[in-house]
Amino acid sequence: MTLRLFDRMATLVRADAHGMLEALEERTLLLKQHVREAELELIQKRARLDGLNAEDERLATALERRQEEIAALDEDVVLALDGEKDELARFAIRRLLPKRRELEALATARGQVREARTRLAAKLDEQEREFEELRERVQARSQEARNPVDAPGMPSVSDEEIELELLRRRGSSAGANS
């Protein structure tokens, strides 16, 4: 009678231990999925930062070109005025004024891109640090799931160890009943 009771208890303990391991493994899988999603988000933010860097370079090139065009048109205005060619000076000014507006618009756009890039870079740095901390915690949790601990500071007990203990007790109780 007591042997059946111990067998049932061992079966219950084993089933409970397996259930706990499955629950830990499921949580670990969820944590790993969250880590993958966080990593994908970081990759997307790095791509956005690369895009902002490329846009900043494009705007810098356009600004430089506009400044060169404005300088050339300024020289044309001065040359026309020196030669007392008012009509030619008006023509150069008519081309010069829109270029100055374009230059201002490009400078404003570049300022906005640089500000967005600075904000995104700071946020990305912070999130990359947080991501590394998260990854370390998930790895530790994953390790715990592979090597579960029944009680704080106590190592887990394998199914084989439980079976051996049951066999020892059966053997000692059979000897006591004789």
C-alpha atoms as a PDB file:
ATOM      1  CA  MET A   1       0.000   0.000   0.000  1.00  0.00           C
ATOM      2  CA  THR A   2       2.756   2.449   0.955  1.00  0.00           C
ATOM      3  CA  LEU A   3       4.695   1.492  -2.151  1.00  0.00           C
ATOM      4  CA  ARG A   4       1.809   2.550  -4.370  1.00  0.00           C
ATOM      5  CA  LEU A   5       1.518   5.778  -2.446  1.00  0.00           C
ATOM      6  CA  PHE A   6       5.228   6.517  -3.006  1.00  0.00           C
ATOM      7  CA  ASP A   7       4.884   5.604  -6.695  1.00  0.00           C
ATOM      8  CA  ARG A   8       1.950   7.984  -7.068  1.00  0.00           C
ATOM      9  CA  MET A   9       3.815  10.726  -5.208  1.00  0.00           C
ATOM     10  CA  ALA A  10       6.861  10.241  -7.430  1.00  0.00           C
ATOM     11  CA  THR A  11       4.662  10.407 -10.517  1.00  0.00           C
ATOM     12  CA  LEU A  12       3.017  13.601  -9.239  1.00  0.00           C
ATOM     13  CA  VAL A  13       6.371  15.188  -8.415  1.00  0.00           C
ATOM     14  CA  ARG A  14       7.716  14.248 -11.844  1.00  0.00           C
ATOM     15  CA  ALA A  15       4.633  15.587 -13.623  1.00  0.00           C
ATOM     16  CA  ASP A  16       4.759  18.786 -11.605  1.00  0.00           C
ATOM     17  CA  ALA A  17       8.466  19.198 -12.347  1.00  0.00           C
ATOM     18  CA  HIS A  18       7.866  18.630 -16.063  1.00  0.00           C
ATOM     19  CA  GLY A  19       5.020  21.152 -16.023  1.00  0.00           C
ATOM     20  CA  MET A  20       7.222  23.721 -14.333  1.00  0.00           C
ATOM     21  CA  LEU A  21      10.008  23.130 -16.861  1.00  0.00           C
ATOM     22  CA  GLU A  22       7.575  23.526 -19.753  1.00  0.00           C
ATOM     23  CA  ALA A  23       6.277  26.785 -18.259  1.00  0.00           C
ATOM     24  CA  LEU A  24       9.846  28.056 -17.835  1.00  0.00           C
ATOM     25  CA  GLU A  25      10.718  27.034 -21.390  1.00  0.00           C
ATOM     26  CA  GLU A  26       7.609  28.808 -22.697  1.00  0.00           C
ATOM     27  CA  ARG A  27       8.532  32.003 -20.839  1.00  0.00           C
ATOM     28  CA  THR A  28      12.081  31.709 -22.136  1.00  0.00           C
ATOM     29  CA  LEU A  29      10.800  31.378 -25.702  1.00  0.00           C
ATOM     30  CA  LEU A  30       8.633  34.474 -25.219  1.00  0.00           C
ATOM     31  CA  LEU A  31      11.594  36.387 -23.817  1.00  0.00           C
ATOM     32  CA  LYS A  32      13.756  35.345 -26.759  1.00  0.00           C
ATOM     33  CA  GLN A  33      11.015  36.492 -29.146  1.00  0.00           C
ATOM     34  CA  HIS A  34      10.923  39.888 -27.408  1.00  0.00           C
ATOM     35  CA  VAL A  35      14.709  40.144 -27.742  1.00  0.00           C
ATOM     36  CA  ARG A  36      14.451  39.426 -31.483  1.00  0.00           C
ATOM     37  CA  GLU A  37      11.737  42.075 -31.875  1.00  0.00           C
ATOM     38  CA  ALA A  38      13.825  44.617 -29.949  1.00  0.00           C
ATOM     39  CA  GLU A  39      16.813  43.816 -32.141  1.00  0.00           C
ATOM     40  CA  LEU A  40      14.745  44.332 -35.301  1.00  0.00           C
ATOM     41  CA  GLU A  41      13.574  47.697 -33.970  1.00  0.00           C
ATOM     42  CA  LEU A  42      17.192  48.710 -33.374  1.00  0.00           C
ATOM     43  CA  ILE A  43      18.111  47.650 -36.902  1.00  0.00           C
ATOM     44  CA  GLN A  44      15.285  49.802 -38.282  1.00  0.00           C
ATOM     45  CA  LYS A  45      16.436  52.785 -36.217  1.00  0.00           C
ATOM     46  CA  ARG A  46      20.018  52.336 -37.423  1.00  0.00           C
ATOM     47  CA  ALA A  47      18.710  52.321 -40.995  1.00  0.00           C
ATOM     48  CA  ARG A  48      16.755  55.530 -40.309  1.00  0.00           C
ATOM     49  CA  LEU A  49      19.900  57.097 -38.858  1.00  0.00           C
ATOM     50  CA  ASP A  50      21.860  56.062 -41.963  1.00  0.00           C
ATOM     51  CA  GLY A  51      19.117  57.625 -44.081  1.00  0.00           C
ATOM     52  CA  LEU A  52      19.342  60.878 -42.121  1.00  0.00           C
ATOM     53  CA  ASN A  53      23.131  60.885 -42.546  1.00  0.00           C
ATOM     54  CA  ALA A  54      22.739  60.422 -46.297  1.00  0.00           C
ATOM     55  CA  GLU A  55      20.130  63.200 -46.439  1.00  0.00           C
ATOM     56  CA  ASP A  56      22.459  65.520 -44.505  1.00  0.00           C
ATOM     57  CA  GLU A  57      25.251  64.848 -47.003  1.00  0.00           C
ATOM     58  CA  ARG A  58      22.898  65.448 -49.945  1.00  0.00           C
ATOM     59  CA  LEU A  59      21.736  68.749 -48.441  1.00  0.00           C
ATOM     60  CA  ALA A  60      25.329  69.801 -47.710  1.00  0.00           C
ATOM     61  CA  THR A  61      26.242  69.197 -51.347  1.00  0.00           C
ATOM     62  CA  ALA A  62      23.175  71.113 -52.557  1.00  0.00           C
ATOM     63  CA  LEU A  63      23.990  74.009 -50.185  1.00  0.00           C
ATOM     64  CA  GLU A  64      27.535  74.190 -51.481  1.00  0.00           C
ATOM     65  CA  ARG A  65      26.315  74.194 -55.085  1.00  0.00           C
ATOM     66  CA  ARG A  66      23.765  76.942 -54.357  1.00  0.00           C
ATOM     67  CA  GLN A  67      26.429  79.064 -52.646  1.00  0.00           C
ATOM     68  CA  GLU A  68      28.671  78.741 -55.698  1.00  0.00           C
ATOM     69  CA  GLU A  69      25.787  79.708 -58.008  1.00  0.00           C
ATOM     70  CA  ILE A  70      24.953  82.723 -55.803  1.00  0.00           C
ATOM     71  CA  ALA A  71      28.585  83.837 -55.771  1.00  0.00           C
ATOM     72  CA  ALA A  72      28.724  83.615 -59.574  1.00  0.00           C
ATOM     73  CA  LEU A  73      25.470  85.582 -59.938  1.00  0.00           C
ATOM     74  CA  ASP A  74      26.733  88.214 -57.459  1.00  0.00           C
ATOM     75  CA  GLU A  75      29.816  88.650 -59.636  1.00  0.00           C
ATOM     76  CA  ASP A  76      27.586  88.980 -62.699  1.00  0.00           C
ATOM     77  CA  VAL A  77      25.536  91.720 -60.979  1.00  0.00           C
ATOM     78  CA  VAL A  78      28.697  93.607 -59.981  1.00  0.00           C
ATOM     79  CA  LEU A  79      30.149  93.242 -63.482  1.00  0.00           C
ATOM     80  CA  ALA A  80      26.920  94.436 -65.110  1.00  0.00           C
ATOM     81  CA  LEU A  81      26.662  97.432 -62.774  1.00  0.00           C
ATOM     82  CA  ASP A  82      30.324  98.324 -63.367  1.00  0.00           C
ATOM     83  CA  GLY A  83      29.625  98.243 -67.109  1.00  0.00           C
ATOM     84  CA  GLU A  84      26.470 100.303 -66.569  1.00  0.00           C
ATOM     85  CA  LYS A  85      24.328  97.515 -68.031  1.00  0.00           C
ATOM     86  CA  ASP A  86      21.248  97.858 -65.798  1.00  0.00           C
ATOM     87  CA  GLU A  87      19.156  95.479 -67.879  1.00  0.00           C
ATOM     88  CA  LEU A  88      21.833  92.764 -67.563  1.00  0.00           C
ATOM     89  CA  ALA A  89      22.120  93.458 -63.821  1.00  0.00           C
ATOM     90  CA  ARG A  90      18.316  93.031 -63.475  1.00  0.00           C
ATOM     91  CA  PHE A  91      18.536  89.741 -65.352  1.00  0.00           C
ATOM     92  CA  ALA A  92      21.251  88.464 -62.950  1.00  0.00           C
ATOM     93  CA  ILE A  93      19.298  89.678 -59.882  1.00  0.00           C
ATOM     94  CA  ARG A  94      16.147  87.966 -61.194  1.00  0.00           C
ATOM     95  CA  ARG A  95      18.115  84.689 -61.203  1.00  0.00           C
ATOM     96  CA  LEU A  96      19.918  85.491 -57.919  1.00  0.00           C
ATOM     97  CA  LEU A  97      16.916  86.076 -55.631  1.00  0.00           C
ATOM     98  CA  PRO A  98      15.298  82.624 -56.088  1.00  0.00           C
ATOM     99  CA  LYS A  99      18.695  81.002 -55.510  1.00  0.00           C
ATOM    100  CA  ARG A 100      18.973  82.823 -52.170  1.00  0.00           C
ATOM    101  CA  ARG A 101      15.510  81.553 -51.167  1.00  0.00           C
ATOM    102  CA  GLU A 102      16.543  78.033 -52.153  1.00  0.00           C
ATOM    103  CA  LEU A 103      19.695  78.433 -50.068  1.00  0.00           C
ATOM    104  CA  GLU A 104      17.640  79.451 -47.020  1.00  0.00           C
ATOM    105  CA  ALA A 105      15.227  76.545 -47.528  1.00  0.00           C
ATOM    106  CA  LEU A 106      18.114  74.090 -47.888  1.00  0.00           C
ATOM    107  CA  ALA A 107      19.789  75.465 -44.743  1.00  0.00           C
ATOM    108  CA  THR A 108      16.526  75.114 -42.805  1.00  0.00           C
ATOM    109  CA  ALA A 109      15.992  71.575 -44.066  1.00  0.00           C
ATOM    110  CA  ARG A 110      19.550  70.611 -43.185  1.00  0.00           C
ATOM    111  CA  GLY A 111      19.114  72.038 -39.681  1.00  0.00           C
ATOM    112  CA  GLN A 112      15.974  69.937 -39.216  1.00  0.00           C
ATOM    113  CA  VAL A 113      17.709  66.807 -40.492  1.00  0.00           C
ATOM    114  CA  ARG A 114      20.678  67.381 -38.185  1.00  0.00           C
ATOM    115  CA  GLU A 115      18.377  67.920 -35.199  1.00  0.00           C
ATOM    116  CA  ALA A 116      16.416  64.749 -35.996  1.00  0.00           C
ATOM    117  CA  ARG A 117      19.672  62.851 -36.483  1.00  0.00           C
ATOM    118  CA  THR A 118      21.011  64.037 -33.120  1.00  0.00           C
ATOM    119  CA  ARG A 119      17.804  63.026 -31.313  1.00  0.00           C
ATOM    120  CA  LEU A 120      17.673  59.649 -33.029  1.00  0.00           C
ATOM    121  CA  ALA A 121      21.362  58.933 -32.368  1.00  0.00           C
ATOM    122  CA  ALA A 122      20.934  59.695 -28.663  1.00  0.00           C
ATOM    123  CA  LYS A 123      17.820  57.528 -28.439  1.00  0.00           C
ATOM    124  CA  LEU A 124      19.523  54.733 -30.366  1.00  0.00           C
ATOM    125  CA  ASP A 125      22.557  54.791 -28.041  1.00  0.00           C
ATOM    126  CA  GLU A 126      20.293  54.556 -24.995  1.00  0.00           C
ATOM    127  CA  GLN A 127      18.201  51.764 -26.495  1.00  0.00           C
ATOM    128  CA  GLU A 128      21.286  49.800 -27.545  1.00  0.00           C
ATOM    129  CA  ARG A 129      22.546  49.895 -23.935  1.00  0.00           C
ATOM    130  CA  GLU A 130      19.129  48.789 -22.690  1.00  0.00           C
ATOM    131  CA  PHE A 131      19.044  46.066 -25.334  1.00  0.00           C
ATOM    132  CA  GLU A 132      22.383  44.661 -24.187  1.00  0.00           C
ATOM    133  CA  GLU A 133      21.115  44.579 -20.586  1.00  0.00           C
ATOM    134  CA  LEU A 134      17.936  42.845 -21.755  1.00  0.00           C
ATOM    135  CA  ARG A 135      19.901  40.312 -23.761  1.00  0.00           C
ATOM    136  CA  GLU A 136      22.075  39.496 -20.727  1.00  0.00           C
ATOM    137  CA  ARG A 137      19.014  39.068 -18.489  1.00  0.00           C
ATOM    138  CA  VAL A 138      17.333  36.804 -21.046  1.00  0.00           C
ATOM    139  CA  GLN A 139      20.479  34.711 -21.383  1.00  0.00           C
ATOM    140  CA  ALA A 140      20.629  34.367 -17.601  1.00  0.00           C
ATOM    141  CA  ARG A 141      16.937  33.432 -17.491  1.00  0.00           C
ATOM    142  CA  SER A 142      17.469  30.952 -20.304  1.00  0.00           C
ATOM    143  CA  GLN A 143      20.351  29.417 -18.368  1.00  0.00           C
ATOM    144  CA  GLU A 144      18.113  29.168 -15.287  1.00  0.00           C
ATOM    145  CA  ALA A 145      15.473  27.403 -17.376  1.00  0.00           C
ATOM    146  CA  ARG A 146      18.056  24.870 -18.537  1.00  0.00           C
ATOM    147  CA  ASN A 147      19.320  24.400 -14.975  1.00  0.00           C
ATOM    148  CA  PRO A 148      16.254  25.002 -12.800  1.00  0.00           C
ATOM    149  CA  VAL A 149      16.570  25.520  -9.082  1.00  0.00           C
ATOM    150  CA  ASP A 150      13.890  24.052  -6.798  1.00  0.00           C
ATOM    151  CA  ALA A 151      14.620  26.380  -3.904  1.00  0.00           C
ATOM    152  CA  PRO A 152      16.865  29.409  -3.634  1.00  0.00           C
ATOM    153  CA  GLY A 153      20.426  28.211  -3.319  1.00  0.00           C
ATOM    154  CA  MET A 154      19.431  24.570  -3.840  1.00  0.00           C
ATOM    155  CA  PRO A 155      20.230  22.761  -7.085  1.00  0.00           C
ATOM    156  CA  SER A 156      17.426  20.934  -8.884  1.00  0.00           C
ATOM    157  CA  VAL A 157      16.925  17.224  -8.513  1.00  0.00           C
ATOM    158  CA  SER A 158      16.861  15.014 -11.600  1.00  0.00           C
ATOM    159  CA  ASP A 159      14.242  12.353 -12.250  1.00  0.00           C
ATOM    160  CA  GLU A 160      16.903   9.680 -11.936  1.00  0.00           C
ATOM    161  CA  GLU A 161      17.906  10.899  -8.478  1.00  0.00           C
ATOM    162  CA  ILE A 162      14.257  10.752  -7.388  1.00  0.00           C
ATOM    163  CA  GLU A 163      13.909   7.212  -8.721  1.00  0.00           C
ATOM    164  CA  LEU A 164      17.071   6.079  -6.902  1.00  0.00           C
ATOM    165  CA  GLU A 165      15.822   7.582  -3.646  1.00  0.00           C
ATOM    166  CA  LEU A 166      12.480   5.829  -4.082  1.00  0.00           C
ATOM    167  CA  LEU A 167      14.235   2.519  -4.704  1.00  0.00           C
ATOM    168  CA  ARG A 168      16.367   3.010  -1.582  1.00  0.00           C
ATOM    169  CA  ARG A 169      13.285   3.764   0.511  1.00  0.00           C
ATOM    170  CA  ARG A 170      11.401   0.824  -0.935  1.00  0.00           C
ATOM    171  CA  GLY A 171      14.352  -1.360  -0.119  1.00  0.00           C
ATOM    172  CA  SER A 172      14.579  -0.039   3.440  1.00  0.00           C
ATOM    173  CA  SER A 173      10.816  -0.243   4.029  1.00  0.00           C
ATOM    174  CA  ALA A 174      10.712  -3.801   2.651  1.00  0.00           C
ATOM    175  CA  GLY A 175      13.517  -4.703   5.067  1.00  0.00           C
ATOM    176  CA  ALA A 176      11.637  -3.071   7.966  1.00  0.00           C
ATOM    177  CA  ASN A 177       8.407  -4.973   7.114  1.00  0.00           C
ATOM    178  CA  SER A 178      10.198  -8.357   7.135  1.00  0.00           C
END
